[in-house]
Amino acid sequence: VVTGIMSVNGEPIKIPGPGDVIFFSVKDIKKEEISRGDLIGNIKSPPKLVSEVTARIIVAQDDSFELTEGYNAVFHFHTCCLPCKITKIISKIDPGTYKVLEANPKSVKKGELAIVKIKPSRNISIEIAGEFPHILCSFAVRDSGRTTAAGLCIDAK
């Protein structure tokens, strides 16, 4: 049972919305028992955990970088950071129309947009674009301290 909710500026909030940054307290749970990346949700409709994400990504690394199937990096979903693997590059798509430019490409380079399958190292909770605000569906891909790509979840299983 949540006993108090307030915004980051200290104002009370009755019902926070998706993407709101809040502080809250929960009856009978100590602060030390809650960790970064933990979820809270409605008991009648709890957050779902998924083992595979289909995403639309754009490569943001330098010209020599190519994202390929099997690429491993740290994905930043909300406050959760965990290793993930690109298991399949489904297609390259046009950034303006989202029409398929190339099916099953071998790689994706800087500035190119693609649809990919991602396998997290453990199950995660991520929202699907169109069902929630984009901020809850987006993620960054980082490798060796550099952002290599950014993406948006379009499906999850």
Protein backbone atom coordinates (compact mmCIF):
# COMPACT_ATOMS: atom_id res chain seq x y z
CA VAL A 1 0.00 0.00 0.00
CA VAL A 2 1.45 3.35 -1.09
CA THR A 3 1.18 5.79 1.82
CA GLY A 4 2.35 9.03 0.22
CA ILE A 5 3.23 10.38 -3.22
CA MET A 6 4.87 13.69 -4.04
CA SER A 7 6.58 15.30 -6.99
CA VAL A 8 10.28 16.07 -7.02
CA ASN A 9 9.50 19.66 -5.97
CA GLY A 10 7.67 18.41 -2.85
CA GLU A 11 4.10 19.01 -4.02
CA PRO A 12 1.60 16.22 -3.18
CA ILE A 13 0.23 14.27 -6.17
CA LYS A 14 -2.96 12.22 -6.02
CA ILE A 15 -2.41 10.11 -9.16
CA PRO A 16 0.93 10.22 -11.01
CA GLY A 17 0.92 9.57 -14.74
CA PRO A 18 3.30 7.59 -16.96
CA GLY A 19 6.73 9.21 -17.01
CA ASP A 20 6.17 11.35 -13.89
CA VAL A 21 9.20 11.44 -11.60
CA ILE A 22 7.92 11.02 -8.06
CA PHE A 23 8.89 10.18 -4.51
CA PHE A 24 6.70 7.71 -2.65
CA SER A 25 6.59 5.59 0.47
CA VAL A 26 5.15 2.11 0.80
CA LYS A 27 3.75 0.67 4.02
CA ASP A 28 5.89 -2.10 5.56
CA ILE A 29 8.73 -1.78 3.00
CA LYS A 30 12.01 -0.22 4.07
CA LYS A 31 13.97 2.10 1.80
CA GLU A 32 16.86 -0.40 1.79
CA GLU A 33 14.60 -3.09 0.27
CA ILE A 34 13.98 -1.05 -2.89
CA SER A 35 16.65 -0.90 -5.59
CA ARG A 36 17.21 1.11 -8.74
CA GLY A 37 15.27 -0.50 -11.60
CA ASP A 38 12.57 -2.01 -9.35
CA LEU A 39 8.99 -1.67 -10.57
CA ILE A 40 5.81 -0.56 -8.93
CA GLY A 41 2.44 -1.06 -10.54
CA ASN A 42 -1.23 -1.70 -10.08
CA ILE A 43 -1.84 -5.07 -8.43
CA LYS A 44 -4.83 -5.61 -10.76
CA SER A 45 -2.68 -5.00 -13.84
CA PRO A 46 0.97 -5.57 -12.85
CA PRO A 47 3.87 -4.62 -15.13
CA LYS A 48 4.81 -7.41 -17.55
CA LEU A 49 8.30 -8.85 -17.85
CA VAL A 50 9.56 -9.67 -21.33
CA SER A 51 12.48 -11.68 -22.69
CA GLU A 52 12.62 -10.17 -26.20
CA VAL A 53 12.14 -6.66 -27.56
CA THR A 54 11.52 -5.57 -31.14
CA ALA A 55 12.76 -2.02 -31.57
CA ARG A 56 13.27 0.74 -34.06
CA ILE A 57 16.83 2.02 -33.59
CA ILE A 58 19.08 4.64 -35.07
CA VAL A 59 22.85 4.18 -35.05
CA ALA A 60 24.64 7.19 -33.58
CA GLN A 61 28.30 6.10 -33.54
CA ASP A 62 31.14 7.30 -35.79
CA ASP A 63 31.39 6.42 -39.49
CA SER A 64 33.53 3.31 -38.93
CA PHE A 65 30.99 1.66 -36.57
CA GLU A 66 28.60 -0.98 -37.93
CA LEU A 67 25.89 -2.57 -35.80
CA THR A 68 25.57 -6.28 -36.68
CA GLU A 69 23.66 -9.31 -35.45
CA GLY A 70 25.32 -10.63 -32.31
CA TYR A 71 26.35 -7.13 -31.14
CA ASN A 72 26.50 -6.98 -27.33
CA ALA A 73 26.21 -3.71 -25.41
CA VAL A 74 24.65 -2.20 -22.30
CA PHE A 75 21.09 -1.06 -22.86
CA HIS A 76 19.67 1.70 -20.66
CA PHE A 77 15.90 1.18 -20.18
CA HIS A 78 14.48 3.73 -17.70
CA THR A 79 16.78 3.41 -14.66
CA CYS A 80 17.75 -0.15 -15.55
CA CYS A 81 21.11 -0.83 -17.23
CA LEU A 82 21.83 -4.34 -18.42
CA PRO A 83 23.67 -6.26 -21.10
CA CYS A 84 21.64 -7.09 -24.19
CA LYS A 85 22.33 -8.64 -27.57
CA ILE A 86 21.06 -7.73 -31.04
CA THR A 87 19.81 -11.13 -32.20
CA LYS A 88 18.34 -10.10 -35.57
CA ILE A 89 18.38 -7.12 -37.90
CA ILE A 90 14.95 -7.38 -39.52
CA SER A 91 15.18 -4.43 -41.89
CA LYS A 92 16.58 -0.99 -42.62
CA ILE A 93 13.80 1.56 -42.87
CA ASP A 94 13.34 5.04 -44.30
CA PRO A 95 13.37 7.58 -41.45
CA GLY A 96 10.63 9.71 -43.02
CA THR A 97 8.13 7.07 -44.11
CA TYR A 98 9.20 3.99 -42.10
CA LYS A 99 9.01 1.97 -45.34
CA VAL A 100 11.40 -0.97 -45.64
CA LEU A 101 14.52 -0.08 -47.63
CA GLU A 102 16.31 -3.41 -47.18
CA ALA A 103 15.21 -6.69 -45.59
CA ASN A 104 17.68 -8.72 -43.50
CA PRO A 105 20.67 -6.37 -43.89
CA LYS A 106 24.06 -7.56 -42.65
CA SER A 107 24.73 -4.31 -40.75
CA VAL A 108 23.44 -0.84 -39.88
CA LYS A 109 25.70 2.24 -40.04
CA LYS A 110 25.70 5.76 -38.59
CA GLY A 111 22.46 7.63 -39.30
CA GLU A 112 20.58 4.54 -40.52
CA LEU A 113 17.29 3.45 -38.99
CA ALA A 114 16.50 -0.23 -38.52
CA ILE A 115 14.07 -2.68 -36.95
CA VAL A 116 15.92 -5.15 -34.72
CA LYS A 117 15.26 -7.95 -32.22
CA ILE A 118 16.98 -7.53 -28.84
CA LYS A 119 17.58 -10.22 -26.20
CA PRO A 120 18.16 -8.80 -22.70
CA SER A 121 20.41 -10.78 -20.34
CA ARG A 122 17.39 -11.09 -18.02
CA ASN A 123 13.69 -10.34 -18.31
CA ILE A 124 12.80 -6.63 -18.27
CA SER A 125 9.74 -4.44 -18.20
CA ILE A 126 9.47 -1.95 -21.05
CA GLU A 127 6.44 -0.28 -22.54
CA ILE A 128 5.47 -0.40 -26.21
CA ALA A 129 5.36 2.79 -28.31
CA GLY A 130 1.80 3.88 -28.98
CA GLU A 131 0.55 2.48 -25.68
CA PHE A 132 2.54 4.85 -23.45
CA PRO A 133 4.47 8.12 -23.82
CA HIS A 134 7.68 7.71 -25.85
CA ILE A 135 9.86 8.41 -22.82
CA LEU A 136 8.75 5.08 -21.31
CA CYS A 137 9.41 3.17 -24.53
CA SER A 138 12.84 4.54 -25.36
CA PHE A 139 16.33 3.35 -24.53
CA ALA A 140 19.98 4.07 -25.22
CA VAL A 141 22.63 1.58 -26.32
CA ARG A 142 26.07 2.18 -24.81
CA ASP A 143 29.39 0.47 -25.37
CA SER A 144 32.74 1.40 -23.80
CA GLY A 145 31.36 4.69 -22.49
CA ARG A 146 29.90 5.81 -25.84
CA THR A 147 26.31 5.88 -27.05
CA THR A 148 26.21 3.68 -30.15
CA ALA A 149 22.46 3.79 -30.80
CA ALA A 150 19.10 4.93 -29.47
CA GLY A 151 15.83 3.12 -29.85
CA LEU A 152 12.13 2.82 -29.28
CA CYS A 153 10.35 -0.40 -28.29
CA ILE A 154 7.67 -1.29 -30.85
CA ASP A 155 6.88 -4.81 -29.57
CA ALA A 156 7.84 -7.04 -26.63
CA LYS A 157 7.37 -10.71 -25.79
